[in-house]
Amino acid sequence: LFYLLHQITRPAVAERIEGLDPEDLARCGETLDRLRATLATTAPARANVRESWLWVADMLRFAADFGLFVQAHGGFNRATLRARLETLIERCRVLWLDGHRVGGLADAMTHLERVGSRLA
């Protein structure tokens, strides 16, 4: 799912999303919801570790929903997905800076913002 979002501007990848089984994407989303609920109740040594894993679960859930949107399934609308993505981008920025990583933030955000261009 991350790969499909990362490479979304390439036509062949968009075709791959359209070729995914909508029922599989929906089941994936449901599985991610259960995983997220488990992650939310765990207590790792550092809070930012849990927040990072929750972000990953939320991003994967977004990817599954985005796939359903591209396929015109699931009743998702562009504005709602765009708002979710903007929240995910902001959370990623916070997590990135909280991890004291040097450099790379702009490049990481570019990949996520490219997905947003499909929702503009």
N, C-alpha and C. Protein backbone atom coordinates (compact mmCIF):
# COMPACT_ATOMS: atom_id res chain seq x y z
N LEU A 1 0.81 -1.19 0.00
CA LEU A 1 0.00 0.00 0.00
C LEU A 1 0.86 1.26 0.00
N PHE A 2 1.94 1.26 0.81
CA PHE A 2 2.83 2.43 0.80
C PHE A 2 3.44 2.62 -0.58
N TYR A 3 3.83 1.53 -1.22
CA TYR A 3 4.44 1.63 -2.55
C TYR A 3 3.48 2.29 -3.53
N LEU A 4 2.23 1.88 -3.48
CA LEU A 4 1.25 2.45 -4.41
C LEU A 4 1.09 3.94 -4.18
N LEU A 5 1.08 4.38 -2.93
CA LEU A 5 0.97 5.82 -2.66
C LEU A 5 2.23 6.56 -3.09
N HIS A 6 3.37 5.95 -2.84
CA HIS A 6 4.64 6.58 -3.16
C HIS A 6 4.80 6.80 -4.66
N GLN A 7 4.30 5.87 -5.43
CA GLN A 7 4.49 5.91 -6.89
C GLN A 7 3.22 6.33 -7.64
N ILE A 8 2.27 6.95 -6.95
CA ILE A 8 0.94 7.21 -7.50
C ILE A 8 0.94 8.04 -8.78
N THR A 9 1.93 8.87 -8.99
CA THR A 9 1.91 9.73 -10.19
C THR A 9 2.27 8.97 -11.46
N ARG A 10 2.73 7.76 -11.31
CA ARG A 10 3.05 6.95 -12.50
C ARG A 10 1.79 6.23 -12.97
N PRO A 11 1.44 6.35 -14.26
CA PRO A 11 0.20 5.74 -14.77
C PRO A 11 0.09 4.24 -14.49
N ALA A 12 1.18 3.51 -14.62
CA ALA A 12 1.12 2.06 -14.41
C ALA A 12 0.69 1.74 -12.98
N VAL A 13 1.09 2.56 -12.03
CA VAL A 13 0.73 2.33 -10.63
C VAL A 13 -0.75 2.62 -10.42
N ALA A 14 -1.25 3.68 -11.03
CA ALA A 14 -2.68 3.98 -10.92
C ALA A 14 -3.50 2.82 -11.47
N GLU A 15 -3.03 2.22 -12.55
CA GLU A 15 -3.71 1.06 -13.11
C GLU A 15 -3.67 -0.12 -12.14
N ARG A 16 -2.57 -0.27 -11.40
CA ARG A 16 -2.48 -1.35 -10.42
C ARG A 16 -3.48 -1.15 -9.30
N ILE A 17 -3.68 0.09 -8.87
CA ILE A 17 -4.67 0.36 -7.83
C ILE A 17 -6.05 -0.02 -8.34
N GLU A 18 -6.34 0.37 -9.56
CA GLU A 18 -7.65 0.06 -10.13
C GLU A 18 -7.85 -1.44 -10.27
N GLY A 19 -6.76 -2.19 -10.35
CA GLY A 19 -6.85 -3.65 -10.49
C GLY A 19 -6.97 -4.39 -9.17
N LEU A 20 -6.84 -3.69 -8.04
CA LEU A 20 -6.96 -4.35 -6.75
C LEU A 20 -8.41 -4.70 -6.46
N ASP A 21 -8.62 -5.79 -5.76
CA ASP A 21 -9.96 -6.22 -5.40
C ASP A 21 -10.50 -5.31 -4.30
N PRO A 22 -11.62 -4.63 -4.54
CA PRO A 22 -12.17 -3.72 -3.53
C PRO A 22 -12.50 -4.43 -2.21
N GLU A 23 -12.92 -5.67 -2.29
CA GLU A 23 -13.21 -6.41 -1.05
C GLU A 23 -11.94 -6.65 -0.25
N ASP A 24 -10.84 -6.92 -0.95
CA ASP A 24 -9.55 -7.09 -0.26
C ASP A 24 -9.12 -5.79 0.40
N LEU A 25 -9.29 -4.68 -0.29
CA LEU A 25 -8.94 -3.38 0.29
C LEU A 25 -9.79 -3.09 1.52
N ALA A 26 -11.07 -3.40 1.45
CA ALA A 26 -11.96 -3.17 2.59
C ALA A 26 -11.56 -4.05 3.77
N ARG A 27 -11.25 -5.33 3.50
CA ARG A 27 -10.80 -6.23 4.58
C ARG A 27 -9.49 -5.77 5.17
N CYS A 28 -8.60 -5.27 4.33
CA CYS A 28 -7.32 -4.74 4.80
C CYS A 28 -7.58 -3.58 5.76
N GLY A 29 -8.49 -2.69 5.39
CA GLY A 29 -8.83 -1.57 6.24
C GLY A 29 -9.38 -2.01 7.58
N GLU A 30 -10.24 -3.02 7.57
CA GLU A 30 -10.80 -3.54 8.82
C GLU A 30 -9.71 -4.15 9.70
N THR A 31 -8.79 -4.87 9.08
CA THR A 31 -7.68 -5.46 9.83
C THR A 31 -6.81 -4.37 10.44
N LEU A 32 -6.57 -3.31 9.67
CA LEU A 32 -5.77 -2.19 10.19
C LEU A 32 -6.47 -1.49 11.35
N ASP A 33 -7.79 -1.41 11.29
CA ASP A 33 -8.54 -0.81 12.41
C ASP A 33 -8.32 -1.63 13.69
N ARG A 34 -8.37 -2.95 13.58
CA ARG A 34 -8.14 -3.82 14.75
C ARG A 34 -6.71 -3.68 15.25
N LEU A 35 -5.75 -3.64 14.33
CA LEU A 35 -4.35 -3.48 14.70
C LEU A 35 -4.14 -2.14 15.41
N ARG A 36 -4.74 -1.10 14.88
CA ARG A 36 -4.59 0.22 15.49
C ARG A 36 -5.14 0.24 16.91
N ALA A 37 -6.28 -0.41 17.11
CA ALA A 37 -6.87 -0.47 18.45
C ALA A 37 -5.92 -1.16 19.43
N THR A 38 -5.25 -2.19 18.98
CA THR A 38 -4.27 -2.89 19.83
C THR A 38 -3.07 -1.99 20.10
N LEU A 39 -2.57 -1.33 19.06
CA LEU A 39 -1.43 -0.45 19.22
C LEU A 39 -1.73 0.70 20.19
N ALA A 40 -2.94 1.21 20.12
CA ALA A 40 -3.31 2.36 20.95
C ALA A 40 -3.29 2.03 22.44
N THR A 41 -3.42 0.75 22.78
CA THR A 41 -3.46 0.36 24.19
C THR A 41 -2.12 -0.18 24.70
N THR A 42 -1.13 -0.26 23.83
CA THR A 42 0.18 -0.74 24.26
C THR A 42 0.96 0.41 24.88
N ALA A 43 1.91 0.06 25.71
CA ALA A 43 2.72 1.08 26.38
C ALA A 43 4.20 0.82 26.10
N PRO A 44 4.71 1.29 24.95
CA PRO A 44 6.13 1.10 24.65
C PRO A 44 7.00 1.96 25.57
N ALA A 45 8.29 1.68 25.54
CA ALA A 45 9.23 2.41 26.39
C ALA A 45 9.17 3.91 26.13
N ARG A 46 8.94 4.31 24.88
CA ARG A 46 8.87 5.74 24.54
C ARG A 46 7.56 6.01 23.84
N ALA A 47 6.88 7.08 24.23
CA ALA A 47 5.58 7.42 23.65
C ALA A 47 5.67 7.65 22.15
N ASN A 48 6.78 8.25 21.69
CA ASN A 48 6.87 8.54 20.25
C ASN A 48 6.97 7.28 19.41
N VAL A 49 7.39 6.16 20.03
CA VAL A 49 7.41 4.88 19.30
C VAL A 49 5.97 4.46 19.01
N ARG A 50 5.11 4.52 20.03
CA ARG A 50 3.70 4.17 19.82
C ARG A 50 3.08 5.11 18.80
N GLU A 51 3.35 6.40 18.92
CA GLU A 51 2.78 7.36 17.97
C GLU A 51 3.24 7.09 16.55
N SER A 52 4.48 6.68 16.40
CA SER A 52 5.00 6.35 15.07
C SER A 52 4.26 5.14 14.49
N TRP A 53 4.06 4.12 15.30
CA TRP A 53 3.34 2.92 14.83
C TRP A 53 1.88 3.24 14.54
N LEU A 54 1.27 4.10 15.36
CA LEU A 54 -0.11 4.50 15.08
C LEU A 54 -0.19 5.27 13.76
N TRP A 55 0.82 6.12 13.50
CA TRP A 55 0.85 6.84 12.23
C TRP A 55 0.93 5.86 11.06
N VAL A 56 1.78 4.86 11.19
CA VAL A 56 1.92 3.86 10.12
C VAL A 56 0.57 3.16 9.89
N ALA A 57 -0.08 2.75 10.95
CA ALA A 57 -1.39 2.09 10.81
C ALA A 57 -2.40 3.02 10.14
N ASP A 58 -2.40 4.28 10.56
CA ASP A 58 -3.34 5.25 9.98
C ASP A 58 -3.01 5.53 8.52
N MET A 59 -1.74 5.58 8.19
CA MET A 59 -1.34 5.83 6.80
C MET A 59 -1.72 4.65 5.92
N LEU A 60 -1.53 3.44 6.42
CA LEU A 60 -1.93 2.26 5.65
C LEU A 60 -3.45 2.21 5.48
N ARG A 61 -4.17 2.60 6.52
CA ARG A 61 -5.64 2.65 6.42
C ARG A 61 -6.03 3.68 5.37
N PHE A 62 -5.36 4.82 5.39
CA PHE A 62 -5.62 5.84 4.37
C PHE A 62 -5.35 5.27 2.97
N ALA A 63 -4.25 4.53 2.82
CA ALA A 63 -3.90 3.96 1.52
C ALA A 63 -4.99 3.01 1.03
N ALA A 64 -5.51 2.18 1.92
CA ALA A 64 -6.58 1.27 1.54
C ALA A 64 -7.82 2.06 1.11
N ASP A 65 -8.17 3.09 1.87
CA ASP A 65 -9.33 3.92 1.53
C ASP A 65 -9.09 4.70 0.24
N PHE A 66 -7.86 5.16 0.04
CA PHE A 66 -7.52 5.88 -1.19
C PHE A 66 -7.68 4.94 -2.39
N GLY A 67 -7.25 3.69 -2.23
CA GLY A 67 -7.43 2.71 -3.31
C GLY A 67 -8.91 2.52 -3.64
N LEU A 68 -9.74 2.45 -2.61
CA LEU A 68 -11.19 2.34 -2.84
C LEU A 68 -11.72 3.59 -3.52
N PHE A 69 -11.21 4.76 -3.15
CA PHE A 69 -11.63 6.01 -3.78
C PHE A 69 -11.26 6.00 -5.27
N VAL A 70 -10.03 5.62 -5.58
CA VAL A 70 -9.60 5.57 -6.99
C VAL A 70 -10.50 4.64 -7.79
N GLN A 71 -10.95 3.58 -7.14
CA GLN A 71 -11.82 2.61 -7.81
C GLN A 71 -13.30 3.01 -7.77
N ALA A 72 -13.60 4.13 -7.13
CA ALA A 72 -14.98 4.61 -6.97
C ALA A 72 -15.80 3.63 -6.13
N HIS A 73 -15.19 3.08 -5.09
CA HIS A 73 -15.87 2.21 -4.13
C HIS A 73 -15.75 2.82 -2.74
N GLY A 74 -16.59 2.39 -1.84
CA GLY A 74 -16.44 2.74 -0.43
C GLY A 74 -17.08 4.05 -0.01
N GLY A 75 -17.60 4.83 -0.94
CA GLY A 75 -18.28 6.06 -0.58
C GLY A 75 -17.37 7.16 -0.05
N PHE A 76 -16.09 7.11 -0.37
CA PHE A 76 -15.17 8.15 0.09
C PHE A 76 -15.24 9.35 -0.84
N ASN A 77 -15.11 10.54 -0.26
CA ASN A 77 -15.09 11.72 -1.12
C ASN A 77 -13.71 12.39 -1.03
N ARG A 78 -13.43 13.12 -2.05
CA ARG A 78 -12.13 13.76 -2.22
C ARG A 78 -11.77 14.68 -1.04
N ALA A 79 -12.71 15.50 -0.60
CA ALA A 79 -12.43 16.46 0.46
C ALA A 79 -12.10 15.76 1.78
N THR A 80 -12.84 14.72 2.11
CA THR A 80 -12.59 13.99 3.36
C THR A 80 -11.23 13.31 3.33
N LEU A 81 -10.91 12.68 2.21
CA LEU A 81 -9.59 12.03 2.09
C LEU A 81 -8.48 13.05 2.14
N ARG A 82 -8.68 14.18 1.49
CA ARG A 82 -7.66 15.25 1.49
C ARG A 82 -7.42 15.74 2.93
N ALA A 83 -8.48 15.93 3.69
CA ALA A 83 -8.34 16.37 5.09
C ALA A 83 -7.61 15.32 5.92
N ARG A 84 -7.93 14.05 5.71
CA ARG A 84 -7.22 12.99 6.43
C ARG A 84 -5.74 12.99 6.07
N LEU A 85 -5.44 13.16 4.79
CA LEU A 85 -4.05 13.18 4.36
C LEU A 85 -3.31 14.37 4.96
N GLU A 86 -3.93 15.53 4.98
CA GLU A 86 -3.28 16.70 5.57
C GLU A 86 -2.97 16.47 7.05
N THR A 87 -3.87 15.81 7.76
CA THR A 87 -3.62 15.47 9.16
C THR A 87 -2.45 14.50 9.28
N LEU A 88 -2.41 13.50 8.39
CA LEU A 88 -1.31 12.54 8.41
C LEU A 88 0.02 13.21 8.09
N ILE A 89 0.01 14.15 7.15
CA ILE A 89 1.24 14.87 6.80
C ILE A 89 1.74 15.66 8.01
N GLU A 90 0.82 16.36 8.67
CA GLU A 90 1.23 17.14 9.85
C GLU A 90 1.74 16.23 10.96
N ARG A 91 1.08 15.12 11.20
CA ARG A 91 1.55 14.18 12.22
C ARG A 91 2.94 13.65 11.86
N CYS A 92 3.17 13.40 10.57
CA CYS A 92 4.48 12.91 10.12
C CYS A 92 5.56 13.95 10.40
N ARG A 93 5.25 15.22 10.12
CA ARG A 93 6.21 16.29 10.41
C ARG A 93 6.58 16.32 11.89
N VAL A 94 5.56 16.24 12.74
CA VAL A 94 5.79 16.28 14.18
C VAL A 94 6.64 15.08 14.62
N LEU A 95 6.29 13.90 14.14
CA LEU A 95 7.05 12.71 14.51
C LEU A 95 8.49 12.79 13.99
N TRP A 96 8.64 13.30 12.78
CA TRP A 96 9.98 13.43 12.18
C TRP A 96 10.85 14.34 13.05
N LEU A 97 10.31 15.49 13.39
CA LEU A 97 11.08 16.45 14.19
C LEU A 97 11.28 15.96 15.62
N ASP A 98 10.31 15.23 16.17
CA ASP A 98 10.42 14.69 17.51
C ASP A 98 11.54 13.64 17.58
N GLY A 99 11.77 12.97 16.47
CA GLY A 99 12.82 11.96 16.42
C GLY A 99 14.21 12.56 16.23
N HIS A 100 14.29 13.88 16.12
CA HIS A 100 15.57 14.59 15.98
C HIS A 100 16.35 14.12 14.76
N ARG A 101 15.62 13.82 13.70
CA ARG A 101 16.29 13.42 12.46
C ARG A 101 16.85 14.67 11.79
N VAL A 102 18.02 14.55 11.26
CA VAL A 102 18.64 15.67 10.56
C VAL A 102 18.39 15.50 9.07
N GLY A 103 17.75 16.48 8.47
CA GLY A 103 17.52 16.45 7.03
C GLY A 103 16.49 15.43 6.60
N GLY A 104 16.08 15.54 5.35
CA GLY A 104 15.17 14.58 4.75
C GLY A 104 13.69 14.87 4.91
N LEU A 105 13.33 15.79 5.79
CA LEU A 105 11.93 16.08 6.04
C LEU A 105 11.23 16.57 4.78
N ALA A 106 11.83 17.50 4.08
CA ALA A 106 11.20 18.06 2.87
C ALA A 106 10.97 16.96 1.83
N ASP A 107 11.94 16.08 1.66
CA ASP A 107 11.80 14.99 0.69
C ASP A 107 10.67 14.05 1.10
N ALA A 108 10.60 13.72 2.37
CA ALA A 108 9.53 12.83 2.86
C ALA A 108 8.16 13.47 2.63
N MET A 109 8.05 14.75 2.89
CA MET A 109 6.78 15.44 2.72
C MET A 109 6.38 15.52 1.25
N THR A 110 7.36 15.65 0.37
CA THR A 110 7.08 15.72 -1.06
C THR A 110 6.33 14.48 -1.52
N HIS A 111 6.75 13.32 -1.05
CA HIS A 111 6.09 12.07 -1.45
C HIS A 111 4.63 12.06 -0.97
N LEU A 112 4.39 12.50 0.24
CA LEU A 112 3.02 12.51 0.75
C LEU A 112 2.18 13.57 0.06
N GLU A 113 2.76 14.73 -0.20
CA GLU A 113 2.02 15.80 -0.86
C GLU A 113 1.68 15.44 -2.31
N ARG A 114 2.47 14.57 -2.91
CA ARG A 114 2.18 14.12 -4.27
C ARG A 114 0.86 13.34 -4.28
N VAL A 115 0.61 12.59 -3.23
CA VAL A 115 -0.67 11.88 -3.12
C VAL A 115 -1.79 12.90 -3.04
N GLY A 116 -1.55 13.97 -2.28
CA GLY A 116 -2.55 15.03 -2.15
C GLY A 116 -2.90 15.67 -3.48
N SER A 117 -1.95 15.71 -4.40
CA SER A 117 -2.24 16.30 -5.70
C SER A 117 -3.32 15.51 -6.45
N ARG A 118 -3.43 14.23 -6.13
CA ARG A 118 -4.49 13.41 -6.74
C ARG A 118 -5.86 13.72 -6.14
N LEU A 119 -5.85 14.37 -4.98
CA LEU A 119 -7.11 14.68 -4.30
C LEU A 119 -7.50 16.14 -4.43
N ALA A 120 -6.67 16.94 -5.09
CA ALA A 120 -6.94 18.38 -5.22
C ALA A 120 -8.08 18.64 -6.18
